[in-house]
């Protein structure tokens, strides 16, 4: 697996993290639920679409009715940006609401955000709860939308909106609305909700971030496979490092739907997925240029990203993070075949090694690994084998799938958020002082702990991101102190 050499660049600061999952609406809640072994799997009625049409004489029961779905549901109210009023919320699909809520948390929960008071926000309605009805004819005042989005939150303050990018990963966004449109097309004349069309596209959640936050930079939705959330973040890193963006909002999202319920228990058991319940959620991170106008304390830094491919598992393309990319050696008739588990594990190991090489770091410096797949699945076993091959079997290893369920597009972004949280809770070693005899300067990142995020796609692609924790501030030497 050849690796493309690239020039090393400075780490990219992570200045905000937001999470919405079955464990709650913060990354801390998810981290603690994971450590406690929580499995919040419940049965709830889920509608076909968030913007269903009220029952009428022309509506068939199977068009927008709710079905009981056993999975890891998000039950907490979604917190949207304050200028999105009740009328606007009725045009937002479930996937878009999850991603907007995670972005709102990422943009307002950083330490620097306490400098400026944050406007209170109104929780959004749950998908199976109708929004509060308001009507000016009945004398109830409809909330008046703000004339423009509020001032940019602290992590983005000072950045030109035209240079703030949005990159979102998803596997299933819009499927509910698409099925609803398909059902209605064959049902004869009847009412159609006009918001179904825009919300049936894959890029609706990512586009909504730019629209509702007033951003005009690059906007791209990825559907690249199981590691798509990590791929979206890596693409954001690339855009910051190449100078195309001063800041990036990146992450992943997917929701549950009555249109595509989780597999039946017997089918899941037969396929080995019994320990990987379906789930939903979103995770968003804010990346800023080290020398850009946007400013906020860094929670962590992305040191390197890399992508590798198992033999026959895909084709080499543009690096996921602009740093290291490996490709299959065979591109003939056998290319594209589903790789064996050993090949998939080796692709993951090579992606991890490439990230270490690019960052100029060593495997023993990594304090924790976070992966995307449930451990009892073939992909999860391959991820663990890849980690063991590079770092040994004793490296602490986390995965959110048992707590959040298999969320699809959000899996990789949730893993990244967990890695940031793990680094903030890791006690860093004291900084290494320079060696005056050797004439060396201190490495500002040498004392920061490292975390590795790894996501494997069953089709053969592997994505790795290497993060460093916040660099400890050296203790100043008192004046007149002797050495």
Protein backbone atom coordinates (compact mmCIF):
# COMPACT_ATOMS: atom_id res chain seq x y z
CA UNK A 1 0.00 0.00 0.00
CA UNK A 2 2.05 2.98 -1.19
CA UNK A 3 1.65 6.23 0.69
CA UNK A 4 1.73 9.66 -0.90
CA UNK A 5 4.25 11.89 0.87
CA UNK A 6 3.11 15.39 1.62
CA UNK A 7 4.47 18.46 3.35
CA UNK A 8 3.77 18.70 7.04
CA UNK A 9 1.72 21.65 8.21
CA UNK A 10 0.78 23.09 11.58
CA UNK A 11 -2.00 21.42 13.58
CA UNK A 12 -5.55 22.74 13.07
CA UNK A 13 -7.29 23.90 16.29
CA UNK A 14 -10.64 22.39 17.28
CA UNK A 15 -12.49 25.23 19.00
CA UNK A 16 -15.97 23.79 19.43
CA UNK A 17 -17.69 20.41 19.75
CA UNK A 18 -21.42 19.70 19.78
CA UNK A 19 -23.21 16.36 20.13
CA UNK A 20 -26.81 15.19 20.01
CA UNK A 21 -27.26 11.48 20.76
CA UNK A 22 -29.37 9.01 22.68
CA UNK A 23 -27.17 9.82 25.69
CA UNK A 24 -28.13 13.51 25.67
CA UNK A 25 -27.09 16.80 24.14
CA UNK A 26 -23.48 17.08 25.21
CA UNK A 27 -20.28 15.21 24.52
CA UNK A 28 -19.65 14.96 28.27
CA UNK A 29 -22.96 13.13 28.75
CA UNK A 30 -22.07 10.72 25.94
CA UNK A 31 -18.60 10.10 27.33
CA UNK A 32 -19.91 9.35 30.81
CA UNK A 33 -22.72 7.14 29.50
CA UNK A 34 -20.18 5.18 27.48
CA UNK A 35 -17.91 4.64 30.48
CA UNK A 36 -20.93 3.53 32.51
CA UNK A 37 -21.89 0.97 29.87
CA UNK A 38 -25.27 2.60 29.23
CA UNK A 39 -27.37 1.21 26.37
CA UNK A 40 -30.36 3.56 26.01
CA UNK A 41 -32.29 1.41 23.53
CA UNK A 42 -36.05 1.98 23.67
CA UNK A 43 -39.15 1.49 21.55
CA UNK A 44 -40.84 4.65 20.33
CA UNK A 45 -43.29 5.63 17.63
CA UNK A 46 -41.45 7.40 14.82
CA UNK A 47 -43.35 9.17 12.03
CA UNK A 48 -42.55 8.64 8.39
CA UNK A 49 -41.60 12.31 8.10
CA UNK A 50 -41.19 15.15 10.57
CA UNK A 51 -43.51 17.42 8.57
CA UNK A 52 -46.46 15.05 8.23
CA UNK A 53 -49.83 16.25 6.93
CA UNK A 54 -52.77 16.07 9.35
CA UNK A 55 -55.20 13.21 8.80
CA UNK A 56 -57.82 13.83 6.11
CA UNK A 57 -60.26 11.95 3.90
CA UNK A 58 -57.67 11.39 1.17
CA UNK A 59 -54.80 10.22 3.40
CA UNK A 60 -53.93 6.54 3.43
CA UNK A 61 -52.83 5.18 6.85
CA UNK A 62 -49.50 3.95 5.46
CA UNK A 63 -48.44 7.31 4.03
CA UNK A 64 -47.29 9.29 7.06
CA UNK A 65 -48.33 7.24 10.08
CA UNK A 66 -45.88 6.44 12.84
CA UNK A 67 -44.44 3.01 13.53
CA UNK A 68 -42.81 1.57 16.61
CA UNK A 69 -39.05 1.47 16.14
CA UNK A 70 -36.67 -0.22 18.59
CA UNK A 71 -33.43 1.73 18.60
CA UNK A 72 -31.31 4.31 20.43
CA UNK A 73 -33.55 7.36 20.06
CA UNK A 74 -32.71 10.98 20.70
CA UNK A 75 -35.30 12.01 23.28
CA UNK A 76 -33.95 15.37 24.46
CA UNK A 77 -35.49 18.52 22.91
CA UNK A 78 -33.41 19.91 20.07
CA UNK A 79 -31.94 23.36 20.69
CA UNK A 80 -31.86 25.38 17.48
CA UNK A 81 -30.28 28.79 16.78
CA UNK A 82 -32.40 31.49 18.45
CA UNK A 83 -33.49 33.23 15.25
CA UNK A 84 -35.23 30.08 13.94
CA UNK A 85 -38.83 30.64 15.04
CA UNK A 86 -41.76 28.23 15.27
CA UNK A 87 -42.78 28.80 11.65
CA UNK A 88 -39.27 28.05 10.37
CA UNK A 89 -39.03 24.95 12.54
CA UNK A 90 -42.01 23.47 10.72
CA UNK A 91 -39.96 23.46 7.51
CA UNK A 92 -37.00 21.63 9.05
CA UNK A 93 -36.71 17.86 8.75
CA UNK A 94 -35.46 15.59 11.51
CA UNK A 95 -31.94 15.25 10.07
CA UNK A 96 -31.62 19.00 9.66
CA UNK A 97 -32.85 19.60 13.19
CA UNK A 98 -30.31 17.18 14.65
CA UNK A 99 -27.42 18.77 12.75
CA UNK A 100 -28.49 22.34 13.57
CA UNK A 101 -28.81 21.44 17.25
CA UNK A 102 -25.32 19.92 17.33
CA UNK A 103 -23.92 22.98 15.55
CA UNK A 104 -25.61 25.31 18.02
CA UNK A 105 -23.95 23.41 20.87
CA UNK A 106 -20.55 23.48 19.15
CA UNK A 107 -20.77 27.24 18.61
CA UNK A 108 -21.91 28.19 22.10
CA UNK A 109 -20.40 25.65 24.51
CA UNK A 110 -16.72 26.58 24.25
CA UNK A 111 -15.04 28.31 27.21
CA UNK A 112 -14.69 31.51 25.23
CA UNK A 113 -18.42 31.67 24.60
CA UNK A 114 -18.96 32.70 28.20
CA UNK A 115 -17.38 36.06 27.41
CA UNK A 116 -20.48 37.14 25.49
CA UNK A 117 -23.97 36.31 26.83
CA UNK A 118 -25.77 33.80 24.66
CA UNK A 119 -29.37 34.52 23.69
CA UNK A 120 -31.74 31.92 25.16
CA UNK A 121 -33.12 29.50 22.60
CA UNK A 122 -36.42 27.68 22.29
CA UNK A 123 -36.38 23.88 22.20
CA UNK A 124 -37.69 22.40 18.96
CA UNK A 125 -40.57 19.95 18.94
CA UNK A 126 -39.87 16.24 18.93
CA UNK A 127 -40.60 14.48 15.63
CA UNK A 128 -43.69 12.79 17.05
CA UNK A 129 -45.00 15.97 18.64
CA UNK A 130 -46.83 18.56 16.61
CA UNK A 131 -45.35 22.08 16.80
CA UNK A 132 -47.42 24.53 18.84
CA UNK A 133 -50.18 25.92 16.68
CA UNK A 134 -50.20 29.69 16.37
CA UNK A 135 -52.47 31.82 14.25
CA UNK A 136 -52.72 35.58 13.92
CA UNK A 137 -56.40 35.15 12.97
CA UNK A 138 -57.10 33.59 16.36
CA UNK A 139 -55.29 36.38 18.11
CA UNK A 140 -52.16 34.36 18.94
CA UNK A 141 -48.99 36.19 18.03
CA UNK A 142 -46.75 34.37 15.57
CA UNK A 143 -43.07 34.75 16.59
CA UNK A 144 -41.39 37.38 14.45
CA UNK A 145 -38.20 36.04 12.82
CA UNK A 146 -35.06 38.08 13.20
CA UNK A 147 -34.20 40.23 10.21
CA UNK A 148 -30.84 38.50 9.96
CA UNK A 149 -28.86 35.77 11.74
CA UNK A 150 -27.34 36.84 15.07
CA UNK A 151 -23.75 37.91 15.44
CA UNK A 152 -21.35 35.02 14.87
CA UNK A 153 -20.58 33.05 18.03
CA UNK A 154 -17.16 33.48 19.59
CA UNK A 155 -15.43 30.57 17.76
CA UNK A 156 -16.24 32.28 14.43
CA UNK A 157 -16.06 35.93 15.42
CA UNK A 158 -13.92 37.96 13.07
CA UNK A 159 -14.07 35.44 10.23
CA UNK A 160 -15.58 36.45 6.90
CA UNK A 161 -18.81 34.41 6.37
CA UNK A 162 -17.63 33.87 2.80
CA UNK A 163 -14.60 32.03 4.18
CA UNK A 164 -16.43 29.73 6.61
CA UNK A 165 -17.07 26.31 5.10
CA UNK A 166 -19.59 23.61 5.98
CA UNK A 167 -18.92 19.90 5.40
CA UNK A 168 -21.48 17.31 6.45
CA UNK A 169 -21.48 13.54 6.22
CA UNK A 170 -24.63 11.43 5.97
CA UNK A 171 -25.81 8.09 4.65
CA UNK A 172 -29.60 8.35 4.89
CA UNK A 173 -30.62 12.01 5.10
CA UNK A 174 -33.82 12.76 3.21
CA UNK A 175 -34.94 9.13 2.87
CA UNK A 176 -38.16 9.69 4.82
CA UNK A 177 -39.32 12.60 2.70
CA UNK A 178 -38.31 10.78 -0.47
CA UNK A 179 -40.44 7.77 0.50
CA UNK A 180 -43.33 10.07 1.38
CA UNK A 181 -43.16 11.70 -2.06
CA UNK A 182 -43.00 8.24 -3.69
CA UNK A 183 -46.05 7.06 -1.74
CA UNK A 184 -48.03 10.15 -2.62
CA UNK A 185 -47.11 9.89 -6.30
CA UNK A 186 -48.94 6.57 -6.50
CA UNK A 187 -51.84 7.44 -4.26
CA UNK A 188 -53.82 9.67 -6.61
CA UNK A 189 -54.82 13.23 -5.83
CA UNK A 190 -54.11 14.38 -2.30
CA UNK A 191 -52.29 16.97 -0.21
CA UNK A 192 -48.49 17.15 -0.41
CA UNK A 193 -46.36 18.99 2.10
CA UNK A 194 -44.18 21.42 0.10
CA UNK A 195 -41.22 21.00 2.46
CA UNK A 196 -40.87 17.32 1.51
CA UNK A 197 -39.15 18.15 -1.77
CA UNK A 198 -36.21 20.19 -0.40
CA UNK A 199 -35.82 17.88 2.61
CA UNK A 200 -35.63 14.77 0.38
CA UNK A 201 -32.14 15.67 -0.82
CA UNK A 202 -28.99 14.33 0.81
CA UNK A 203 -27.53 17.80 1.21
CA UNK A 204 -30.52 19.38 2.99
CA UNK A 205 -28.99 19.26 6.52
CA UNK A 206 -25.60 20.62 5.42
CA UNK A 207 -27.19 23.31 3.26
CA UNK A 208 -29.39 24.35 6.18
CA UNK A 209 -26.29 25.02 8.30
CA UNK A 210 -25.00 27.56 5.80
CA UNK A 211 -28.44 29.10 5.27
CA UNK A 212 -29.47 29.47 8.90
CA UNK A 213 -26.01 30.53 10.12
CA UNK A 214 -25.52 33.01 7.29
CA UNK A 215 -22.37 31.34 5.93
CA UNK A 216 -21.26 31.71 2.32
CA UNK A 217 -18.13 29.55 2.16
CA UNK A 218 -17.76 26.12 0.53
CA UNK A 219 -20.59 23.72 1.35
CA UNK A 220 -20.37 20.01 0.60
CA UNK A 221 -22.25 16.92 1.72
CA UNK A 222 -20.41 13.58 1.64
CA UNK A 223 -21.96 10.10 1.44
CA UNK A 224 -18.69 8.20 1.26
CA UNK A 225 -19.52 5.23 3.49
CA UNK A 226 -19.34 4.22 7.12
CA UNK A 227 -16.51 6.64 7.95
CA UNK A 228 -18.25 9.58 6.28
CA UNK A 229 -18.32 11.72 9.44
CA UNK A 230 -14.54 11.46 9.77
CA UNK A 231 -14.18 12.14 6.03
CA UNK A 232 -16.19 15.36 6.36
CA UNK A 233 -13.99 16.57 9.23
CA UNK A 234 -10.83 15.62 7.33
CA UNK A 235 -12.05 17.58 4.31
CA UNK A 236 -12.60 20.56 6.59
CA UNK A 237 -9.04 20.21 7.87
CA UNK A 238 -7.81 20.23 4.28
CA UNK A 239 -9.69 23.44 3.50
CA UNK A 240 -8.30 25.19 6.57
CA UNK A 241 -4.73 24.07 5.86
CA UNK A 242 -4.79 25.10 2.22
CA UNK A 243 -6.10 28.55 3.15
CA UNK A 244 -9.44 28.15 1.39
CA UNK A 245 -11.30 28.68 4.67
CA UNK A 246 -10.62 30.63 7.85
CA UNK A 247 -13.01 28.34 9.74
CA UNK A 248 -15.02 25.20 9.06
CA UNK A 249 -18.08 23.60 10.61
CA UNK A 250 -17.92 19.85 9.96
CA UNK A 251 -19.66 16.74 11.19
CA UNK A 252 -22.20 14.05 10.44
CA UNK A 253 -25.86 13.22 10.95
CA UNK A 254 -28.51 10.55 10.42
CA UNK A 255 -31.92 9.93 11.93
CA UNK A 256 -34.32 7.06 12.49
CA UNK A 257 -37.35 6.74 10.29
CA UNK A 258 -40.48 4.67 9.97
CA UNK A 259 -39.68 4.55 6.26
CA UNK A 260 -36.59 2.42 6.87
CA UNK A 261 -36.95 0.77 10.29
CA UNK A 262 -34.09 -1.20 11.84
CA UNK A 263 -33.84 -4.87 10.82
CA UNK A 264 -35.95 -7.38 12.71
CA UNK A 265 -34.34 -9.07 15.70
CA UNK A 266 -34.04 -12.43 13.96
CA UNK A 267 -32.46 -10.88 10.86
CA UNK A 268 -30.06 -8.86 13.01
CA UNK A 269 -29.01 -11.96 14.93
CA UNK A 270 -28.45 -13.89 11.71
CA UNK A 271 -26.23 -11.13 10.32
CA UNK A 272 -24.23 -10.70 13.53
CA UNK A 273 -25.65 -7.23 14.19
CA UNK A 274 -27.59 -8.08 17.35
CA UNK A 275 -25.11 -6.09 19.45
CA UNK A 276 -25.27 -3.07 17.14
CA UNK A 277 -28.71 -1.48 17.54
CA UNK A 278 -29.78 1.24 15.15
CA UNK A 279 -29.54 4.79 16.41
CA UNK A 280 -29.64 8.42 15.42
CA UNK A 281 -27.68 11.52 16.24
CA UNK A 282 -25.35 14.24 15.06
CA UNK A 283 -21.95 15.62 15.98
CA UNK A 284 -20.37 18.87 14.81
CA UNK A 285 -16.89 20.33 15.36
CA UNK A 286 -15.55 23.82 14.68
CA UNK A 287 -12.11 24.04 13.05
CA UNK A 288 -10.27 27.36 12.83
CA UNK A 289 -7.04 28.45 11.19
CA UNK A 290 -4.19 28.87 13.71
CA UNK A 291 -3.43 32.35 12.36
CA UNK A 292 -6.91 33.26 11.13
CA UNK A 293 -9.24 35.99 12.36
CA UNK A 294 -11.55 33.56 14.21
CA UNK A 295 -10.41 32.97 17.74
CA UNK A 296 -11.27 30.75 20.70
CA UNK A 297 -9.28 28.52 23.04
CA UNK A 298 -8.41 25.23 21.37
CA UNK A 299 -9.94 22.11 22.86
CA UNK A 300 -7.63 19.95 20.75
CA UNK A 301 -5.65 20.04 17.49
CA UNK A 302 -5.87 17.87 14.38
CA UNK A 303 -2.27 16.87 13.69
CA UNK A 304 -2.80 14.67 10.64
CA UNK A 305 -5.35 12.78 8.59
CA UNK A 306 -4.90 9.82 6.27
CA UNK A 307 -6.91 7.46 4.11
CA UNK A 308 -6.00 3.95 3.01
CA UNK A 309 -7.67 1.26 0.93
CA UNK A 310 -7.75 -2.50 1.18
CA UNK A 311 -6.79 -4.47 -1.90
CA UNK A 312 -9.74 -4.41 -4.27
CA UNK A 313 -11.64 -2.14 -1.92
CA UNK A 314 -11.73 1.10 -3.90
CA UNK A 315 -9.66 3.53 -5.88
CA UNK A 316 -7.14 6.06 -4.72
CA UNK A 317 -8.41 9.59 -4.97
CA UNK A 318 -7.82 12.97 -3.38
CA UNK A 319 -6.62 12.55 0.21
CA UNK A 320 -9.42 12.84 2.73
CA UNK A 321 -7.47 15.41 4.71
CA UNK A 322 -4.93 16.55 2.17
CA UNK A 323 -2.10 14.76 3.95
CA UNK A 324 -1.66 11.06 3.33
CA UNK A 325 -3.52 8.77 0.96
CA UNK A 326 -2.94 5.13 0.09
CA UNK A 327 -4.46 3.21 -2.76
CA UNK A 328 -4.90 -0.38 -3.88
CA UNK A 329 -2.19 -1.90 -6.02
CA UNK A 330 -4.69 -3.80 -8.17
CA UNK A 331 -6.99 -1.74 -10.37
CA UNK A 332 -8.05 -4.45 -12.76
CA UNK A 333 -11.11 -6.67 -12.87
CA UNK A 334 -10.81 -7.55 -9.20
CA UNK A 335 -10.94 -3.95 -7.98
CA UNK A 336 -14.07 -3.04 -6.11
CA UNK A 337 -14.63 -6.44 -4.54
CA UNK A 338 -15.50 -6.53 -0.87
CA UNK A 339 -12.20 -7.13 0.94
CA UNK A 340 -11.61 -9.85 3.48
CA UNK A 341 -11.44 -8.84 7.15
CA UNK A 342 -7.63 -9.17 7.31
CA UNK A 343 -7.30 -6.82 4.33
CA UNK A 344 -9.68 -4.33 5.95
CA UNK A 345 -7.73 -4.46 9.20
CA UNK A 346 -4.47 -3.87 7.35
CA UNK A 347 -6.00 -0.86 5.57
CA UNK A 348 -6.91 0.56 8.96
CA UNK A 349 -3.43 -0.09 10.30
CA UNK A 350 -1.85 1.60 7.28
CA UNK A 351 -4.10 4.66 7.69
CA UNK A 352 -3.02 4.92 11.34
CA UNK A 353 0.67 4.57 10.43
CA UNK A 354 0.35 7.18 7.67
CA UNK A 355 -1.21 9.67 10.10
CA UNK A 356 1.62 9.09 12.58
CA UNK A 357 4.25 9.54 9.87
CA UNK A 358 2.68 12.71 8.60
CA UNK A 359 2.49 14.22 12.07
CA UNK A 360 6.04 13.14 12.92
CA UNK A 361 4.79 11.34 16.01
CA UNK A 362 5.34 7.83 17.38
CA UNK A 363 2.81 5.15 18.27
CA UNK A 364 3.69 5.17 22.02
CA UNK A 365 2.57 8.82 22.22
CA UNK A 366 -1.06 7.85 21.50
CA UNK A 367 -3.03 7.63 24.75
CA UNK A 368 -6.41 6.45 23.42
CA UNK A 369 -8.04 5.18 20.23
CA UNK A 370 -11.66 5.84 19.27
CA UNK A 371 -13.33 3.81 16.52
CA UNK A 372 -16.72 3.95 14.82
CA UNK A 373 -18.17 0.43 14.54
CA UNK A 374 -19.73 -1.76 17.22
CA UNK A 375 -17.11 -4.23 18.50
CA UNK A 376 -19.29 -7.31 17.86
CA UNK A 377 -19.53 -6.61 14.12
CA UNK A 378 -16.96 -7.73 11.52
CA UNK A 379 -16.03 -4.09 10.85
CA UNK A 380 -15.61 -3.41 14.56
CA UNK A 381 -13.37 -6.48 14.91
CA UNK A 382 -11.25 -5.24 11.99
CA UNK A 383 -10.91 -1.81 13.62
CA UNK A 384 -9.71 -3.39 16.86
CA UNK A 385 -7.28 -5.61 14.96
CA UNK A 386 -5.87 -2.54 13.18
CA UNK A 387 -5.39 -0.70 16.48
CA UNK A 388 -3.69 -3.72 18.05
CA UNK A 389 -1.37 -4.12 15.06
CA UNK A 390 -0.02 -0.57 15.39
CA UNK A 391 -0.34 0.23 19.10
CA UNK A 392 -0.50 -3.17 20.81
CA UNK A 393 -3.46 -4.72 22.63
CA UNK A 394 -3.15 -2.60 25.78
CA UNK A 395 -4.09 0.79 24.27
CA UNK A 396 -7.37 2.12 25.75
CA UNK A 397 -10.10 1.88 23.14
CA UNK A 398 -13.50 3.59 22.95
CA UNK A 399 -16.47 3.28 20.62
CA UNK A 400 -19.85 4.95 20.94
CA UNK A 401 -21.92 2.44 18.97
CA UNK A 402 -23.07 0.51 22.04
CA UNK A 403 -24.44 3.72 23.56
CA UNK A 404 -25.63 5.69 20.54
CA UNK A 405 -26.47 2.77 18.29
CA UNK A 406 -25.17 2.57 14.74
CA UNK A 407 -26.06 6.03 13.51
CA UNK A 408 -24.68 5.90 9.96
CA UNK A 409 -23.43 9.31 8.96
CA UNK A 410 -22.91 10.45 12.56
CA UNK A 411 -20.71 7.53 13.65
CA UNK A 412 -17.38 9.05 12.59
CA UNK A 413 -18.18 12.53 13.90
CA UNK A 414 -19.30 11.09 17.25
CA UNK A 415 -16.00 9.21 17.46
CA UNK A 416 -14.11 12.46 16.83
CA UNK A 417 -16.10 14.26 19.53
CA UNK A 418 -15.33 11.46 21.99
CA UNK A 419 -11.62 11.72 21.16
CA UNK A 420 -11.66 15.45 21.94
CA UNK A 421 -13.45 14.79 25.23
CA UNK A 422 -11.00 12.02 26.14
CA UNK A 423 -8.08 14.38 25.51
CA UNK A 424 -9.57 17.10 27.70
CA UNK A 425 -9.79 14.56 30.53
CA UNK A 426 -6.26 13.24 30.04
CA UNK A 427 -3.62 14.71 32.32
CA UNK A 428 -0.76 15.82 30.07
CA UNK A 429 2.84 15.26 31.06
CA UNK A 430 4.92 18.31 31.94
CA UNK A 431 6.45 20.07 28.92
CA UNK A 432 9.90 18.91 27.95
CA UNK A 433 12.44 21.74 28.49
CA UNK A 434 14.93 22.53 25.74
CA UNK A 435 18.38 21.00 25.85
CA UNK A 436 20.85 23.93 25.84
CA UNK A 437 23.79 21.61 25.15
CA UNK A 438 22.12 20.22 22.03
CA UNK A 439 20.91 23.64 20.92
CA UNK A 440 17.31 22.44 20.48
CA UNK A 441 14.11 24.41 20.96
CA UNK A 442 11.16 22.93 22.82
CA UNK A 443 8.49 21.25 20.70
CA UNK A 444 5.24 22.96 21.76
CA UNK A 445 3.25 19.81 20.95
CA UNK A 446 5.61 17.27 22.48
CA UNK A 447 3.85 17.30 25.84
CA UNK A 448 0.30 17.10 24.44
CA UNK A 449 -1.38 13.68 24.63
CA UNK A 450 -2.55 12.11 21.38
CA UNK A 451 -5.75 10.34 20.35
CA UNK A 452 -6.43 8.41 17.16
CA UNK A 453 -9.82 8.27 15.44
CA UNK A 454 -10.25 5.35 13.05
CA UNK A 455 -13.19 4.48 10.84
CA UNK A 456 -13.42 1.53 8.44
CA UNK A 457 -15.92 1.05 5.65
CA UNK A 458 -16.82 -2.58 4.83
CA UNK A 459 -16.13 -1.80 1.18
CA UNK A 460 -12.44 -1.34 2.00
CA UNK A 461 -11.74 2.32 2.82
CA UNK A 462 -10.11 3.41 6.07
CA UNK A 463 -9.92 6.94 7.46
CA UNK A 464 -7.69 7.99 10.37
CA UNK A 465 -7.37 11.33 12.17
CA UNK A 466 -4.66 12.04 14.73
CA UNK A 467 -5.48 14.59 17.43
CA UNK A 468 -3.37 16.22 20.10
CA UNK A 469 -4.71 17.63 23.33
CA UNK A 470 -4.42 21.22 24.39
CA UNK A 471 -0.75 22.09 24.90
CA UNK A 472 -0.01 22.79 28.57
CA UNK A 473 1.18 26.27 29.40
CA UNK A 474 4.74 26.21 30.77
CA UNK A 475 5.10 27.48 34.31
CA UNK A 476 7.14 30.72 34.21
CA UNK A 477 10.44 30.65 36.07
CA UNK A 478 10.41 33.12 39.00
CA UNK A 479 12.77 36.06 38.63
CA UNK A 480 16.13 35.38 40.22
CA UNK A 481 15.55 31.67 40.48
CA UNK A 482 18.60 29.47 40.18
CA UNK A 483 18.82 26.39 37.99
